[in-house]
Amino acid sequence: MRLPPLSSLLLGAASLLLLPPSATAVTHHPEPQTTVSLWIPSSAILPNPRTLSATTHATLTALRSFHDAPLSTSGAFVFRNVTPGSYLADVHCGSHAFAPLRIDVVAADEALLVRAWETYRGNDWENKGPEVPRTAGGAAGFAMRALAPKEYYVERGSFSILGILKNPMILMGLVSMVLFIGMPKLVENMDPEMRAEFEEQQRKNPMNSIMGGGGGSGQGSGANPMGNFDMAAYLAGQGTGKKEEAPDNAGSVAKKGGRRKGE
């Protein structure tokens, strides 16, 4: 078999390269596109949108698409060549926070229909808020509502007497001071019979002797007041009955012993 000469092979390859692209490539229909406009209206939070920083810009974000538009002199954002899909519209500003929007671009007959709803961060994408109407005229598009100004610094707290009085420790100290000062005055103004009853109850309370450091009868001034106090018996409500029985038992034993010796 005889091979063709090299010159004929080169001529065939050159002819293929010179063919128009329409003759070699498959015909591709371009995807429909549209323009989406957003604008910032004047409000009590943002009276003049034109005072925003020049770095303010808006984005349209989808799963496989991203569009970015700067802030124009008229306070609008214009996105061109937007294909059908569901987008999250957000305004990035250093001084104010804006509510995001969900923008859907869908094909309707031979044109594209653009609709917008308020959306909420952290919720399901299908959880749509109220629909945002599209305005016409000079500011055509969907309005981006300003929420609040951004704050980056915490104001230093000032000295306040009321803040000191709100402290729980200060309140407890004031209440204790009122009790220590007001209780003696209250006792002095009591009825004599009620005052005598109150003092009698205070003397019967064993905790007073413990706190005052006093001892029982027959004890020296340096004796430990806790020596004759039975906490278990006091909590059980038995009183001092057992302690009073001890001397009687000792006396009876002594009498019995004396009788035995006499015998």
Protein backbone atom coordinates (compact mmCIF):
# COMPACT_ATOMS: atom_id res chain seq x y z
CA MET A 1 0.00 0.00 0.00
CA ARG A 2 1.36 3.40 -1.00
CA LEU A 3 1.03 6.25 1.54
CA PRO A 4 0.05 9.79 0.39
CA PRO A 5 2.83 12.34 0.33
CA LEU A 6 3.44 14.56 3.36
CA SER A 7 2.43 17.70 1.49
CA SER A 8 -1.09 16.41 0.91
CA LEU A 9 -1.52 15.60 4.63
CA LEU A 10 -0.45 19.09 5.65
CA LEU A 11 -2.83 20.64 3.12
CA GLY A 12 -5.77 18.62 4.51
CA ALA A 13 -5.03 19.65 8.07
CA ALA A 14 -4.81 23.32 7.10
CA SER A 15 -8.15 23.15 5.35
CA LEU A 16 -9.80 21.79 8.51
CA LEU A 17 -8.39 24.63 10.57
CA LEU A 18 -9.68 27.24 8.13
CA LEU A 19 -13.29 25.98 8.31
CA PRO A 20 -15.75 28.35 10.12
CA PRO A 21 -16.75 27.37 13.72
CA SER A 22 -20.40 26.95 12.72
CA ALA A 23 -19.42 24.09 10.42
CA THR A 24 -17.61 22.10 13.14
CA ALA A 25 -19.39 23.01 16.42
CA VAL A 26 -22.89 22.14 17.56
CA THR A 27 -25.34 25.05 17.53
CA HIS A 28 -25.72 26.44 21.12
CA HIS A 29 -28.75 28.54 22.12
CA PRO A 30 -27.82 31.25 24.66
CA GLU A 31 -29.62 31.21 28.01
CA PRO A 32 -32.11 34.10 28.48
CA GLN A 33 -30.87 36.96 30.62
CA THR A 34 -32.40 39.98 32.31
CA THR A 35 -31.50 42.98 34.48
CA VAL A 36 -32.35 43.20 38.18
CA SER A 37 -32.35 46.57 39.97
CA LEU A 38 -32.32 47.28 43.71
CA TRP A 39 -32.51 50.66 45.41
CA ILE A 40 -32.34 52.10 48.94
CA PRO A 41 -35.30 54.30 49.96
CA SER A 42 -35.07 57.13 52.47
CA SER A 43 -36.25 56.30 55.99
CA ALA A 44 -35.97 57.48 59.57
CA ILE A 45 -32.95 55.22 60.07
CA LEU A 46 -31.26 56.37 56.84
CA PRO A 47 -32.59 59.76 55.76
CA ASN A 48 -30.12 60.22 52.89
CA PRO A 49 -28.87 57.02 51.21
CA ARG A 50 -26.36 59.06 49.19
CA THR A 51 -24.28 59.54 52.35
CA LEU A 52 -23.33 55.86 52.40
CA SER A 53 -19.72 54.89 51.87
CA ALA A 54 -18.44 54.34 48.35
CA THR A 55 -17.51 50.79 49.31
CA THR A 56 -21.19 49.87 49.73
CA HIS A 57 -22.20 47.18 47.28
CA ALA A 58 -24.88 44.54 46.79
CA THR A 59 -24.63 40.89 45.79
CA LEU A 60 -26.89 38.31 44.17
CA THR A 61 -25.87 34.83 45.30
CA ALA A 62 -27.08 31.49 43.99
CA LEU A 63 -25.74 27.96 44.07
CA ARG A 64 -23.62 28.32 40.92
CA SER A 65 -23.91 32.03 40.20
CA PHE A 66 -22.66 35.25 41.77
CA HIS A 67 -23.30 38.87 40.78
CA ASP A 68 -21.88 42.02 42.35
CA ALA A 69 -23.00 45.62 41.79
CA PRO A 70 -21.65 48.86 43.32
CA LEU A 71 -23.78 51.65 44.73
CA SER A 72 -24.58 54.23 42.05
CA THR A 73 -24.98 57.97 42.58
CA SER A 74 -28.77 57.54 42.53
CA GLY A 75 -28.63 55.02 45.41
CA ALA A 76 -29.35 51.95 43.26
CA PHE A 77 -27.69 48.64 42.42
CA VAL A 78 -28.02 47.31 38.87
CA PHE A 79 -27.29 43.66 38.06
CA ARG A 80 -27.03 42.81 34.38
CA ASN A 81 -26.99 39.47 32.56
CA VAL A 82 -28.89 37.66 35.32
CA THR A 83 -29.97 34.15 34.30
CA PRO A 84 -33.05 32.28 35.63
CA GLY A 85 -32.70 31.04 39.19
CA SER A 86 -33.32 31.82 42.86
CA TYR A 87 -30.96 34.41 44.37
CA LEU A 88 -30.20 35.94 47.76
CA ALA A 89 -29.90 39.72 47.54
CA ASP A 90 -27.86 41.35 50.27
CA VAL A 91 -26.40 44.83 50.77
CA HIS A 92 -22.92 45.02 52.30
CA CYS A 93 -22.40 48.31 54.11
CA GLY A 94 -20.05 49.33 56.89
CA SER A 95 -22.45 51.72 58.62
CA HIS A 96 -25.94 50.20 58.28
CA ALA A 97 -27.57 46.76 58.21
CA PHE A 98 -30.18 45.91 55.56
CA ALA A 99 -32.84 43.22 55.34
CA PRO A 100 -32.01 40.52 52.74
CA LEU A 101 -34.34 39.61 49.88
CA ARG A 102 -35.06 36.46 47.97
CA ILE A 103 -35.25 37.17 44.25
CA ASP A 104 -36.58 34.58 41.81
CA VAL A 105 -36.00 34.93 38.06
CA VAL A 106 -38.30 32.55 36.19
CA ALA A 107 -39.15 32.12 32.52
CA ALA A 108 -42.67 33.25 31.60
CA ASP A 109 -43.67 32.82 27.94
CA GLU A 110 -40.97 34.58 25.95
CA ALA A 111 -39.73 36.88 28.77
CA LEU A 112 -38.29 36.54 32.26
CA LEU A 113 -40.37 37.34 35.33
CA VAL A 114 -38.60 38.75 38.40
CA ARG A 115 -40.24 38.56 41.85
CA ALA A 116 -38.88 39.32 45.33
CA TRP A 117 -39.77 38.38 48.91
CA GLU A 118 -38.34 39.15 52.31
CA THR A 119 -36.30 36.26 53.70
CA TYR A 120 -34.90 35.42 57.11
CA ARG A 121 -31.40 34.23 57.92
CA GLY A 122 -31.09 30.80 59.46
CA ASN A 123 -34.51 29.65 58.23
CA ASP A 124 -35.52 27.31 55.46
CA TRP A 125 -35.14 28.81 51.99
CA GLU A 126 -38.80 28.11 51.25
CA ASN A 127 -39.87 30.12 54.29
CA LYS A 128 -40.65 33.34 52.45
CA GLY A 129 -41.86 36.55 54.03
CA PRO A 130 -44.13 39.17 52.49
CA GLU A 131 -43.66 39.89 48.81
CA VAL A 132 -41.79 43.09 47.95
CA PRO A 133 -43.48 45.06 45.15
CA ARG A 134 -41.48 46.30 42.24
CA THR A 135 -41.50 50.07 41.95
CA ALA A 136 -41.57 51.93 38.68
CA GLY A 137 -40.39 55.34 37.62
CA GLY A 138 -37.03 56.90 38.41
CA ALA A 139 -36.13 54.33 41.11
CA ALA A 140 -37.26 51.21 39.32
CA GLY A 141 -36.56 47.96 41.14
CA PHE A 142 -36.96 46.40 44.56
CA ALA A 143 -36.44 48.43 47.73
CA MET A 144 -33.80 47.29 50.25
CA ARG A 145 -35.03 48.20 53.72
CA ALA A 146 -32.52 49.56 56.25
CA LEU A 147 -32.77 47.83 59.64
CA ALA A 148 -30.46 49.73 61.99
CA PRO A 149 -27.06 51.41 62.13
CA LYS A 150 -24.11 49.18 63.03
CA GLU A 151 -22.32 49.78 66.31
CA TYR A 152 -18.72 48.66 66.75
CA TYR A 153 -17.92 50.19 70.16
CA VAL A 154 -19.42 49.72 73.62
CA GLU A 155 -20.06 52.91 75.56
CA ARG A 156 -18.16 53.14 78.83
CA GLY A 157 -20.46 53.01 81.85
CA SER A 158 -20.59 56.15 83.98
CA PHE A 159 -20.56 56.42 87.78
CA SER A 160 -24.05 56.06 89.25
CA ILE A 161 -25.19 56.07 92.88
CA LEU A 162 -28.30 54.16 91.87
CA GLY A 163 -26.15 51.44 90.32
CA ILE A 164 -24.26 51.03 93.60
CA LEU A 165 -27.51 50.75 95.57
CA LYS A 166 -28.69 48.01 93.21
CA ASN A 167 -25.79 45.79 94.30
CA PRO A 168 -27.16 42.82 96.34
CA MET A 169 -24.33 43.05 98.90
CA ILE A 170 -25.04 46.74 99.49
CA LEU A 171 -28.75 46.00 99.94
CA MET A 172 -28.02 43.24 102.47
CA GLY A 173 -25.73 45.57 104.41
CA LEU A 174 -28.37 48.31 104.49
CA VAL A 175 -31.05 45.89 105.71
CA SER A 176 -28.74 44.60 108.46
CA MET A 177 -27.92 48.14 109.53
CA VAL A 178 -31.61 49.00 109.76
CA LEU A 179 -32.25 45.92 111.90
CA PHE A 180 -29.36 46.64 114.29
CA ILE A 181 -30.34 50.28 114.70
CA GLY A 182 -34.12 49.94 114.60
CA MET A 183 -34.57 46.82 116.77
CA PRO A 184 -33.44 48.45 120.08
CA LYS A 185 -35.69 51.42 119.38
CA LEU A 186 -38.57 49.06 118.70
CA VAL A 187 -37.99 47.15 121.94
CA GLU A 188 -37.89 50.37 123.98
CA ASN A 189 -41.28 51.43 122.63
CA MET A 190 -42.93 48.08 123.32
CA ASP A 191 -45.61 47.50 125.97
CA PRO A 192 -44.06 46.51 129.36
CA GLU A 193 -45.83 43.15 129.46
CA MET A 194 -44.89 42.35 125.87
CA ARG A 195 -41.33 43.48 126.55
CA ALA A 196 -41.08 41.21 129.60
CA GLU A 197 -42.40 38.27 127.59
CA PHE A 198 -39.92 38.98 124.83
CA GLU A 199 -37.00 39.10 127.28
CA GLU A 200 -38.15 35.85 128.90
CA GLN A 201 -38.18 34.10 125.54
CA GLN A 202 -34.72 35.45 124.82
CA ARG A 203 -33.39 34.07 128.11
CA LYS A 204 -34.88 30.63 127.45
CA ASN A 205 -33.26 30.42 124.06
CA PRO A 206 -30.01 28.40 124.50
CA MET A 207 -28.49 30.01 121.44
CA ASN A 208 -28.27 33.32 123.28
CA SER A 209 -25.95 31.90 125.93
CA ILE A 210 -23.78 30.37 123.21
CA MET A 211 -23.54 33.56 121.22
CA GLY A 212 -23.04 35.68 124.37
CA GLY A 213 -20.34 33.40 125.81
CA GLY A 214 -22.14 32.95 129.12
CA GLY A 215 -22.11 29.69 131.07
CA GLY A 216 -24.76 27.82 132.98
CA SER A 217 -25.26 27.79 136.75
CA GLY A 218 -22.35 26.44 138.76
CA GLN A 219 -19.85 27.15 135.99
CA GLY A 220 -16.99 29.58 136.08
CA SER A 221 -16.74 32.62 133.91
CA GLY A 222 -14.17 30.89 131.70
CA ALA A 223 -16.19 27.70 131.19
CA ASN A 224 -17.17 26.65 127.71
CA PRO A 225 -20.90 27.34 127.19
CA MET A 226 -21.07 24.46 124.75
CA GLY A 227 -20.24 21.96 127.49
CA ASN A 228 -23.82 21.61 128.79
CA PHE A 229 -25.61 22.18 125.51
CA ASP A 230 -26.86 19.09 123.70
CA MET A 231 -27.60 20.09 120.12
CA ALA A 232 -29.19 16.73 119.26
CA ALA A 233 -31.55 16.93 122.20
CA TYR A 234 -32.39 20.53 121.42
CA LEU A 235 -33.24 19.70 117.80
CA ALA A 236 -35.26 16.66 118.92
CA GLY A 237 -37.27 18.86 121.29
CA GLN A 238 -36.37 16.86 124.40
CA GLY A 239 -35.19 19.83 126.42
CA THR A 240 -32.97 19.26 129.49
CA GLY A 241 -35.00 16.51 131.13
CA LYS A 242 -32.20 13.93 130.87
CA LYS A 243 -29.68 16.24 132.44
CA GLU A 244 -31.93 16.84 135.47
CA GLU A 245 -32.33 13.12 136.03
CA ALA A 246 -28.59 12.57 136.37
CA PRO A 247 -28.22 14.03 139.92
CA ASP A 248 -31.24 12.03 141.19
CA ASN A 249 -29.77 8.81 139.88
CA ALA A 250 -26.43 9.60 141.52
CA GLY A 251 -28.14 10.34 144.86
CA SER A 252 -30.10 7.11 144.82
CA VAL A 253 -26.95 5.14 144.15
CA ALA A 254 -25.22 6.87 147.05
CA LYS A 255 -28.15 6.05 149.38
CA LYS A 256 -28.09 2.45 148.33
CA GLY A 257 -24.38 2.32 148.97
CA GLY A 258 -24.85 3.85 152.41
CA ARG A 259 -27.41 1.27 153.34
CA ARG A 260 -25.08 -1.49 152.28
CA LYS A 261 -22.31 -0.10 154.43
CA GLY A 262 -24.67 0.19 157.38
CA GLU A 263 -25.72 -3.32 156.95
